[in-house]
Amino acid sequence: MKIICSQESLLRGIQTVQRGISSRIGLPIYNGILFEANEDNKVHLFATDLEIGIDCYIPAQVVETGSTVIPSKII
């Protein structure tokens, strides 16, 4: 996955979905943010605590499609 986007858009998207992350859940996959880059030149960000899920789309130039989960501690 490779994208080009503004730092402001990325930060706004991360701040939006971070509210859905919970440290109460022991599974590491739920302590991160899912990033999905598709051909539609948008990046989908998603986080959940199994009770609520928050997603956000940010505009980006998608050079290479893909998806990954990045732990919230790193972000």
N, C-alpha and C. Protein backbone atom coordinates (compact mmCIF):
# COMPACT_ATOMS: atom_id res chain seq x y z
N MET A 1 0.85 -1.17 0.00
CA MET A 1 0.00 0.00 0.00
C MET A 1 0.90 1.23 0.00
N LYS A 2 0.58 2.15 -0.89
CA LYS A 2 1.34 3.40 -0.96
C LYS A 2 0.36 4.51 -1.33
N ILE A 3 0.34 5.56 -0.49
CA ILE A 3 -0.58 6.68 -0.73
C ILE A 3 0.15 8.00 -0.60
N ILE A 4 -0.44 9.03 -1.20
CA ILE A 4 0.03 10.40 -1.04
C ILE A 4 -1.19 11.21 -0.62
N CYS A 5 -1.09 11.85 0.56
CA CYS A 5 -2.20 12.67 1.05
C CYS A 5 -1.65 13.79 1.90
N SER A 6 -2.50 14.75 2.20
CA SER A 6 -2.05 15.87 3.03
C SER A 6 -1.97 15.41 4.48
N GLN A 7 -1.02 15.97 5.19
CA GLN A 7 -0.84 15.64 6.59
C GLN A 7 -2.08 16.03 7.39
N GLU A 8 -2.69 17.14 7.02
CA GLU A 8 -3.88 17.62 7.71
C GLU A 8 -5.05 16.63 7.58
N SER A 9 -5.28 16.13 6.37
CA SER A 9 -6.36 15.16 6.15
C SER A 9 -6.12 13.87 6.92
N LEU A 10 -4.89 13.40 6.90
CA LEU A 10 -4.55 12.17 7.60
C LEU A 10 -4.74 12.34 9.10
N LEU A 11 -4.27 13.44 9.65
CA LEU A 11 -4.40 13.70 11.08
C LEU A 11 -5.87 13.79 11.49
N ARG A 12 -6.66 14.49 10.70
CA ARG A 12 -8.09 14.63 10.99
C ARG A 12 -8.79 13.26 10.98
N GLY A 13 -8.45 12.43 10.00
CA GLY A 13 -9.04 11.09 9.92
C GLY A 13 -8.64 10.21 11.10
N ILE A 14 -7.38 10.26 11.47
CA ILE A 14 -6.89 9.46 12.60
C ILE A 14 -7.57 9.91 13.89
N GLN A 15 -7.67 11.21 14.10
CA GLN A 15 -8.31 11.72 15.31
C GLN A 15 -9.78 11.32 15.37
N THR A 16 -10.43 11.25 14.23
CA THR A 16 -11.84 10.85 14.19
C THR A 16 -12.02 9.40 14.61
N VAL A 17 -11.25 8.49 14.03
CA VAL A 17 -11.46 7.07 14.30
C VAL A 17 -10.83 6.60 15.61
N GLN A 18 -9.88 7.34 16.15
CA GLN A 18 -9.24 6.93 17.40
C GLN A 18 -10.23 6.81 18.54
N ARG A 19 -11.33 7.52 18.46
CA ARG A 19 -12.35 7.45 19.51
C ARG A 19 -13.00 6.07 19.58
N GLY A 20 -12.85 5.27 18.54
CA GLY A 20 -13.41 3.93 18.53
C GLY A 20 -12.49 2.86 19.09
N ILE A 21 -11.28 3.23 19.45
CA ILE A 21 -10.30 2.25 19.95
C ILE A 21 -10.47 2.09 21.46
N SER A 22 -10.43 0.85 21.92
CA SER A 22 -10.54 0.57 23.34
C SER A 22 -9.38 -0.31 23.79
N SER A 23 -8.79 0.04 24.91
CA SER A 23 -7.70 -0.78 25.45
C SER A 23 -8.25 -1.91 26.32
N ARG A 24 -9.57 -1.96 26.51
CA ARG A 24 -10.19 -3.01 27.33
C ARG A 24 -10.16 -4.37 26.65
N ILE A 25 -10.09 -4.37 25.34
CA ILE A 25 -10.12 -5.62 24.59
C ILE A 25 -8.70 -6.15 24.46
N GLY A 26 -8.50 -7.42 24.81
CA GLY A 26 -7.17 -8.00 24.84
C GLY A 26 -6.57 -8.32 23.48
N LEU A 27 -7.39 -8.41 22.45
CA LEU A 27 -6.86 -8.75 21.13
C LEU A 27 -6.19 -7.54 20.49
N PRO A 28 -4.93 -7.66 20.11
CA PRO A 28 -4.19 -6.52 19.55
C PRO A 28 -4.82 -5.90 18.30
N ILE A 29 -5.54 -6.67 17.51
CA ILE A 29 -6.12 -6.16 16.28
C ILE A 29 -7.14 -5.05 16.57
N TYR A 30 -7.76 -5.08 17.75
CA TYR A 30 -8.75 -4.07 18.11
C TYR A 30 -8.13 -2.83 18.75
N ASN A 31 -6.82 -2.82 18.91
CA ASN A 31 -6.12 -1.67 19.45
C ASN A 31 -5.43 -0.87 18.36
N GLY A 32 -5.89 -1.03 17.14
CA GLY A 32 -5.26 -0.33 16.02
C GLY A 32 -6.29 0.27 15.08
N ILE A 33 -5.79 0.91 14.05
CA ILE A 33 -6.62 1.53 13.03
C ILE A 33 -6.37 0.80 11.71
N LEU A 34 -7.46 0.40 11.07
CA LEU A 34 -7.38 -0.23 9.76
C LEU A 34 -7.30 0.84 8.69
N PHE A 35 -6.29 0.76 7.84
CA PHE A 35 -6.13 1.65 6.70
C PHE A 35 -6.34 0.82 5.44
N GLU A 36 -7.26 1.23 4.58
CA GLU A 36 -7.51 0.54 3.31
C GLU A 36 -7.42 1.56 2.18
N ALA A 37 -6.52 1.33 1.25
CA ALA A 37 -6.37 2.20 0.08
C ALA A 37 -6.90 1.46 -1.14
N ASN A 38 -7.86 2.06 -1.83
CA ASN A 38 -8.49 1.46 -3.00
C ASN A 38 -8.28 2.33 -4.23
N GLU A 39 -8.76 1.84 -5.36
CA GLU A 39 -8.58 2.55 -6.63
C GLU A 39 -9.39 3.84 -6.72
N ASP A 40 -10.30 4.08 -5.80
CA ASP A 40 -11.17 5.26 -5.89
C ASP A 40 -10.53 6.53 -5.32
N ASN A 41 -9.21 6.50 -5.09
CA ASN A 41 -8.46 7.64 -4.57
C ASN A 41 -8.99 8.14 -3.24
N LYS A 42 -9.36 7.20 -2.39
CA LYS A 42 -9.76 7.49 -1.01
C LYS A 42 -9.12 6.44 -0.12
N VAL A 43 -8.82 6.84 1.10
CA VAL A 43 -8.30 5.90 2.09
C VAL A 43 -9.36 5.76 3.17
N HIS A 44 -9.72 4.52 3.45
CA HIS A 44 -10.73 4.22 4.46
C HIS A 44 -10.01 3.92 5.76
N LEU A 45 -10.35 4.64 6.83
CA LEU A 45 -9.81 4.40 8.16
C LEU A 45 -10.94 3.86 9.02
N PHE A 46 -10.66 2.83 9.82
CA PHE A 46 -11.70 2.20 10.63
C PHE A 46 -11.12 1.72 11.95
N ALA A 47 -11.88 1.93 13.03
CA ALA A 47 -11.52 1.41 14.34
C ALA A 47 -12.80 0.99 15.06
N THR A 48 -12.68 -0.02 15.92
CA THR A 48 -13.85 -0.51 16.66
C THR A 48 -13.43 -1.00 18.04
N ASP A 49 -14.39 -0.94 18.97
CA ASP A 49 -14.20 -1.56 20.28
C ASP A 49 -15.21 -2.69 20.49
N LEU A 50 -15.77 -3.18 19.42
CA LEU A 50 -16.78 -4.24 19.36
C LEU A 50 -18.17 -3.78 19.79
N GLU A 51 -18.29 -2.58 20.34
CA GLU A 51 -19.60 -2.01 20.63
C GLU A 51 -19.96 -0.96 19.59
N ILE A 52 -18.97 -0.16 19.24
CA ILE A 52 -19.16 0.84 18.19
C ILE A 52 -18.01 0.74 17.20
N GLY A 53 -18.27 1.15 16.00
CA GLY A 53 -17.23 1.23 14.97
C GLY A 53 -17.27 2.62 14.36
N ILE A 54 -16.12 3.19 14.15
CA ILE A 54 -16.04 4.52 13.55
C ILE A 54 -15.19 4.42 12.30
N ASP A 55 -15.73 4.93 11.19
CA ASP A 55 -14.93 4.95 9.98
C ASP A 55 -14.93 6.33 9.37
N CYS A 56 -13.93 6.56 8.54
CA CYS A 56 -13.71 7.86 7.93
C CYS A 56 -13.01 7.63 6.59
N TYR A 57 -13.32 8.46 5.63
CA TYR A 57 -12.65 8.40 4.33
C TYR A 57 -11.89 9.70 4.13
N ILE A 58 -10.64 9.59 3.70
CA ILE A 58 -9.85 10.79 3.41
C ILE A 58 -9.41 10.74 1.95
N PRO A 59 -9.33 11.90 1.31
CA PRO A 59 -8.87 11.93 -0.08
C PRO A 59 -7.37 11.67 -0.14
N ALA A 60 -6.96 10.93 -1.13
CA ALA A 60 -5.54 10.61 -1.29
C ALA A 60 -5.28 10.15 -2.71
N GLN A 61 -4.05 10.30 -3.12
CA GLN A 61 -3.62 9.70 -4.38
C GLN A 61 -3.12 8.30 -4.04
N VAL A 62 -3.81 7.29 -4.50
CA VAL A 62 -3.45 5.91 -4.20
C VAL A 62 -2.50 5.42 -5.29
N VAL A 63 -1.24 5.23 -4.92
CA VAL A 63 -0.22 4.74 -5.84
C VAL A 63 -0.27 3.22 -5.92
N GLU A 64 -0.48 2.59 -4.77
CA GLU A 64 -0.56 1.13 -4.69
C GLU A 64 -1.64 0.76 -3.68
N THR A 65 -2.60 -0.06 -4.09
CA THR A 65 -3.69 -0.44 -3.19
C THR A 65 -3.20 -1.42 -2.13
N GLY A 66 -3.98 -1.51 -1.06
CA GLY A 66 -3.66 -2.45 0.00
C GLY A 66 -4.34 -2.07 1.29
N SER A 67 -4.08 -2.85 2.32
CA SER A 67 -4.65 -2.55 3.63
C SER A 67 -3.70 -3.04 4.71
N THR A 68 -3.78 -2.37 5.86
CA THR A 68 -2.96 -2.74 7.00
C THR A 68 -3.60 -2.19 8.26
N VAL A 69 -3.29 -2.81 9.40
CA VAL A 69 -3.71 -2.29 10.69
C VAL A 69 -2.46 -1.77 11.39
N ILE A 70 -2.54 -0.51 11.82
CA ILE A 70 -1.42 0.11 12.52
C ILE A 70 -1.82 0.30 13.98
N PRO A 71 -1.02 -0.22 14.92
CA PRO A 71 -1.35 -0.07 16.34
C PRO A 71 -1.45 1.40 16.73
N SER A 72 -2.43 1.71 17.58
CA SER A 72 -2.64 3.11 17.97
C SER A 72 -1.46 3.68 18.75
N LYS A 73 -0.68 2.84 19.40
CA LYS A 73 0.50 3.33 20.13
C LYS A 73 1.53 3.94 19.18
N ILE A 74 1.63 3.41 17.98
CA ILE A 74 2.59 3.92 17.00
C ILE A 74 2.12 5.24 16.43
N ILE A 75 0.82 5.37 16.25
CA ILE A 75 0.26 6.58 15.66
C ILE A 75 0.23 7.65 16.71
